[in-house]
Amino acid sequence: MTLKHKRPAIPPEPVTSKPDNWSGSWGRINPTPTGLEVVRFCQRPDGSSERTHSYPYRVLSSWHWIENSLEEELKIEAGADLVTVRGKGLIRIVDALDTGTLEVLSEVPGEIPAYEESPIWVTAISVESRREE
């Protein structure tokens, strides 16, 4: 007696390449809360060199998200500094700050791509020191 192989009734789902919602050129969010100690903000003022500002999560005192039709703005009080982030999809960054899962956020020079290509885009990061000297 010969055995016949059964074919699956449901064909396997095709593998589609979706953008990684947790990381990209804009930075990285850790999808599982692990008690991160530090968050980094990377500036690229001239598009080539990079300037990094690191803050312990314990010095982040508040953040304020503002949305308008053209661009979003996120202001983060980090110790004596005010970090201002501009771009699109920043509500995901607010969620990551709320849960302590934001690892790094980077400026991405250039035009904002379609949402399907990148749900988060950071056009500018500025750090203003409010220390009295």
Protein backbone atom coordinates (compact mmCIF):
# COMPACT_ATOMS: atom_id res chain seq x y z
CA MET A 1 0.00 0.00 0.00
CA THR A 2 1.41 3.38 -0.93
CA LEU A 3 0.98 6.44 1.23
CA LYS A 4 -0.36 9.59 -0.29
CA HIS A 5 0.72 12.94 1.09
CA LYS A 6 -2.07 15.27 2.06
CA ARG A 7 -1.84 18.82 0.91
CA PRO A 8 -2.63 21.47 3.48
CA ALA A 9 -6.14 22.85 3.12
CA ILE A 10 -5.00 26.37 3.91
CA PRO A 11 -2.04 27.67 1.96
CA PRO A 12 0.70 29.24 4.09
CA GLU A 13 0.54 33.01 4.40
CA PRO A 14 3.05 34.80 2.21
CA VAL A 15 5.83 36.51 4.09
CA THR A 16 5.48 40.24 3.69
CA SER A 17 8.13 42.69 4.61
CA LYS A 18 6.59 45.24 6.95
CA PRO A 19 8.63 48.09 8.34
CA ASP A 20 10.00 47.42 11.80
CA ASN A 21 7.86 49.58 14.06
CA TRP A 22 10.41 49.41 16.88
CA SER A 23 13.50 50.76 15.12
CA GLY A 24 14.62 52.71 12.11
CA SER A 25 16.85 55.57 11.10
CA TRP A 26 14.85 57.69 13.62
CA GLY A 27 16.00 55.55 16.58
CA ARG A 28 14.96 52.54 18.63
CA ILE A 29 12.20 51.58 21.06
CA ASN A 30 12.66 48.43 23.13
CA PRO A 31 9.37 46.54 22.65
CA THR A 32 9.61 44.88 26.07
CA PRO A 33 10.01 47.07 29.15
CA THR A 34 13.32 46.13 30.76
CA GLY A 35 13.93 49.12 33.00
CA LEU A 36 16.21 51.12 30.73
CA GLU A 37 18.52 53.45 32.61
CA VAL A 38 19.42 55.95 29.87
CA VAL A 39 17.84 57.56 26.82
CA ARG A 40 19.99 59.07 24.05
CA PHE A 41 19.23 61.94 21.68
CA CYS A 42 21.44 62.14 18.57
CA GLN A 43 21.73 65.36 16.63
CA ARG A 44 23.13 65.61 13.11
CA PRO A 45 23.24 69.38 12.62
CA ASP A 46 25.19 69.29 9.36
CA GLY A 47 24.03 65.87 8.18
CA SER A 48 27.40 64.19 8.70
CA SER A 49 28.78 64.66 12.21
CA GLU A 50 26.78 63.44 15.19
CA ARG A 51 26.32 64.92 18.65
CA THR A 52 24.82 62.63 21.31
CA HIS A 53 23.13 63.69 24.55
CA SER A 54 22.43 60.95 27.12
CA TYR A 55 20.12 61.37 30.10
CA PRO A 56 19.24 58.96 32.88
CA TYR A 57 15.49 58.30 32.83
CA ARG A 58 15.30 59.50 36.43
CA VAL A 59 16.08 63.12 35.35
CA LEU A 60 13.29 63.28 32.76
CA SER A 61 10.71 65.30 34.63
CA SER A 62 8.03 65.91 31.97
CA TRP A 63 7.25 65.88 28.29
CA HIS A 64 4.73 67.80 26.25
CA TRP A 65 3.48 66.71 22.81
CA ILE A 66 1.99 69.21 20.36
CA GLU A 67 0.43 68.13 17.08
CA ASN A 68 -0.48 70.27 14.11
CA SER A 69 -1.17 69.42 10.49
CA LEU A 70 2.36 69.99 9.24
CA GLU A 71 4.63 68.79 12.02
CA GLU A 72 4.57 67.51 15.58
CA GLU A 73 6.69 68.84 18.44
CA LEU A 74 7.75 67.09 21.62
CA LYS A 75 9.36 69.04 24.46
CA ILE A 76 11.19 66.98 27.09
CA GLU A 77 12.53 68.44 30.32
CA ALA A 78 15.72 66.55 31.11
CA GLY A 79 17.38 67.91 34.23
CA ALA A 80 18.40 71.49 33.43
CA ASP A 81 18.03 70.92 29.67
CA LEU A 82 15.05 71.29 27.37
CA VAL A 83 15.12 68.78 24.51
CA THR A 84 12.83 69.70 21.60
CA VAL A 85 12.03 67.08 18.97
CA ARG A 86 10.23 67.86 15.71
CA GLY A 87 8.85 65.36 13.21
CA LYS A 88 5.94 62.99 12.56
CA GLY A 89 4.60 60.00 14.50
CA LEU A 90 5.96 61.40 17.77
CA ILE A 91 3.00 60.10 19.78
CA ARG A 92 4.77 56.71 19.61
CA ILE A 93 7.79 58.38 21.23
CA VAL A 94 5.52 59.75 23.97
CA ASP A 95 4.20 56.23 24.58
CA ALA A 96 7.77 54.91 24.77
CA LEU A 97 8.72 57.65 27.25
CA ASP A 98 5.65 56.80 29.34
CA THR A 99 6.76 53.17 29.59
CA GLY A 100 10.52 53.84 29.79
CA THR A 101 11.25 51.92 26.58
CA LEU A 102 12.79 54.64 24.37
CA GLU A 103 16.47 53.80 23.87
CA VAL A 104 17.66 56.29 21.26
CA LEU A 105 16.15 59.04 19.11
CA SER A 106 18.04 60.44 16.10
CA GLU A 107 17.60 63.30 13.68
CA VAL A 108 17.02 62.14 10.13
CA PRO A 109 17.82 64.86 7.59
CA GLY A 110 15.67 65.06 4.49
CA GLU A 111 12.02 64.95 3.57
CA ILE A 112 9.47 63.09 5.67
CA PRO A 113 8.64 59.78 3.95
CA ALA A 114 5.20 58.21 3.61
CA TYR A 115 3.83 56.69 6.81
CA GLU A 116 4.02 53.20 5.29
CA GLU A 117 7.79 53.60 4.88
CA SER A 118 8.43 54.96 8.36
CA PRO A 119 5.71 55.58 10.97
CA ILE A 120 8.13 57.80 12.94
CA TRP A 121 10.35 60.51 11.50
CA VAL A 122 12.51 63.01 13.38
CA THR A 123 13.40 66.12 11.40
CA ALA A 124 15.17 68.03 14.19
CA ILE A 125 16.39 67.67 17.76
CA SER A 126 17.55 70.70 19.71
CA VAL A 127 18.97 70.78 23.22
CA GLU A 128 18.77 74.02 25.16
CA SER A 129 20.69 74.20 28.41
CA ARG A 130 18.87 76.21 31.08
CA ARG A 131 21.66 76.01 33.64
CA GLU A 132 22.63 79.21 35.33
CA GLU A 133 26.34 79.77 35.10
